[in-house]
Protein backbone atom coordinates (compact mmCIF):
# COMPACT_ATOMS: atom_id res chain seq x y z
CA UNK A 1 -26.43 -18.14 -1.73
CA UNK A 2 -25.32 -21.64 -1.91
CA UNK A 3 -27.21 -25.05 0.14
CA UNK A 4 -28.37 -24.90 2.96
CA UNK A 5 -26.64 -27.19 5.49
CA UNK A 6 -25.87 -28.42 8.90
CA UNK A 7 -22.59 -28.73 10.64
CA UNK A 8 -22.55 -31.82 13.12
CA UNK A 9 -19.79 -32.20 15.82
CA UNK A 10 -18.46 -32.60 18.91
CA UNK A 11 -15.86 -29.78 17.89
CA UNK A 12 -17.83 -26.52 17.08
CA UNK A 13 -14.93 -24.02 17.44
CA UNK A 14 -13.49 -25.87 14.50
CA UNK A 15 -16.79 -25.77 12.91
CA UNK A 16 -16.59 -21.88 13.87
CA UNK A 17 -12.59 -21.17 12.22
CA UNK A 18 -13.82 -22.60 8.92
CA UNK A 19 -16.80 -20.55 8.76
CA UNK A 20 -19.80 -22.80 9.25
CA UNK A 21 -22.96 -21.18 9.22
CA UNK A 22 -25.40 -23.81 11.50
CA UNK A 23 -23.50 -25.82 13.37
CA UNK A 24 -25.19 -28.64 15.98
CA UNK A 25 -22.74 -29.55 18.72
CA UNK A 26 -22.65 -33.89 18.16
CA UNK A 27 -22.53 -36.52 21.27
CA UNK A 28 -18.61 -37.27 21.37
CA UNK A 29 -15.69 -36.53 19.35
CA UNK A 30 -15.60 -40.39 17.81
CA UNK A 31 -19.62 -40.94 16.95
CA UNK A 32 -20.97 -37.07 16.48
CA UNK A 33 -24.45 -38.33 15.52
CA UNK A 34 -23.94 -41.27 18.02
CA UNK A 35 -22.79 -45.18 18.57
CA UNK A 36 -24.47 -47.64 16.21
CA UNK A 37 -23.48 -50.19 18.67
CA UNK A 38 -25.21 -48.76 21.00
CA UNK A 39 -29.08 -50.27 22.78
CA UNK A 40 -32.26 -49.08 21.55
CA UNK A 41 -32.46 -45.50 23.26
CA UNK A 42 -29.92 -44.81 21.38
CA UNK A 43 -31.95 -44.37 18.43
CA UNK A 44 -34.58 -42.00 20.12
CA UNK A 45 -30.81 -40.02 21.09
CA UNK A 46 -30.13 -39.66 16.89
CA UNK A 47 -33.60 -39.36 15.63
CA UNK A 48 -33.45 -36.34 18.06
CA UNK A 49 -30.88 -34.70 16.30
CA UNK A 50 -31.63 -34.62 13.24
CA UNK A 51 -34.67 -33.70 14.44
CA UNK A 52 -32.70 -30.64 15.89
CA UNK A 53 -30.62 -30.39 12.09
CA UNK A 54 -33.61 -30.52 9.93
CA UNK A 55 -35.04 -27.72 12.56
CA UNK A 56 -32.07 -25.36 11.92
CA UNK A 57 -32.33 -25.77 8.11
CA UNK A 58 -35.43 -24.21 8.24
CA UNK A 59 -34.29 -21.29 10.64
CA UNK A 60 -32.29 -18.45 9.73
CA UNK A 61 -29.00 -17.69 11.43
CA UNK A 62 -26.93 -15.29 12.45
CA UNK A 63 -23.23 -16.43 10.87
CA UNK A 64 -21.36 -19.25 12.89
CA UNK A 65 -24.04 -20.53 14.83
CA UNK A 66 -24.11 -23.30 17.84
CA UNK A 67 -26.76 -24.77 18.00
CA UNK A 68 -27.05 -27.42 21.29
CA UNK A 69 -28.94 -30.51 21.02
CA UNK A 70 -31.66 -30.70 23.45
CA UNK A 71 -33.28 -34.12 24.87
């Protein structure tokens, strides 16, 4: 079994190559979870990303499932 994880990355193809089961497409290659130096709107983007990842942890998935971030 193991510990359920979500792989947040801007490069889901690489995550699939290493066999990650829950893959969430991140914001950008340099900052997959959002730019920490950006303005207040960025906080909402980062929160949505974390909430989406938590939803993924609670879901049964097929191997190599890639989820997109929703606004």
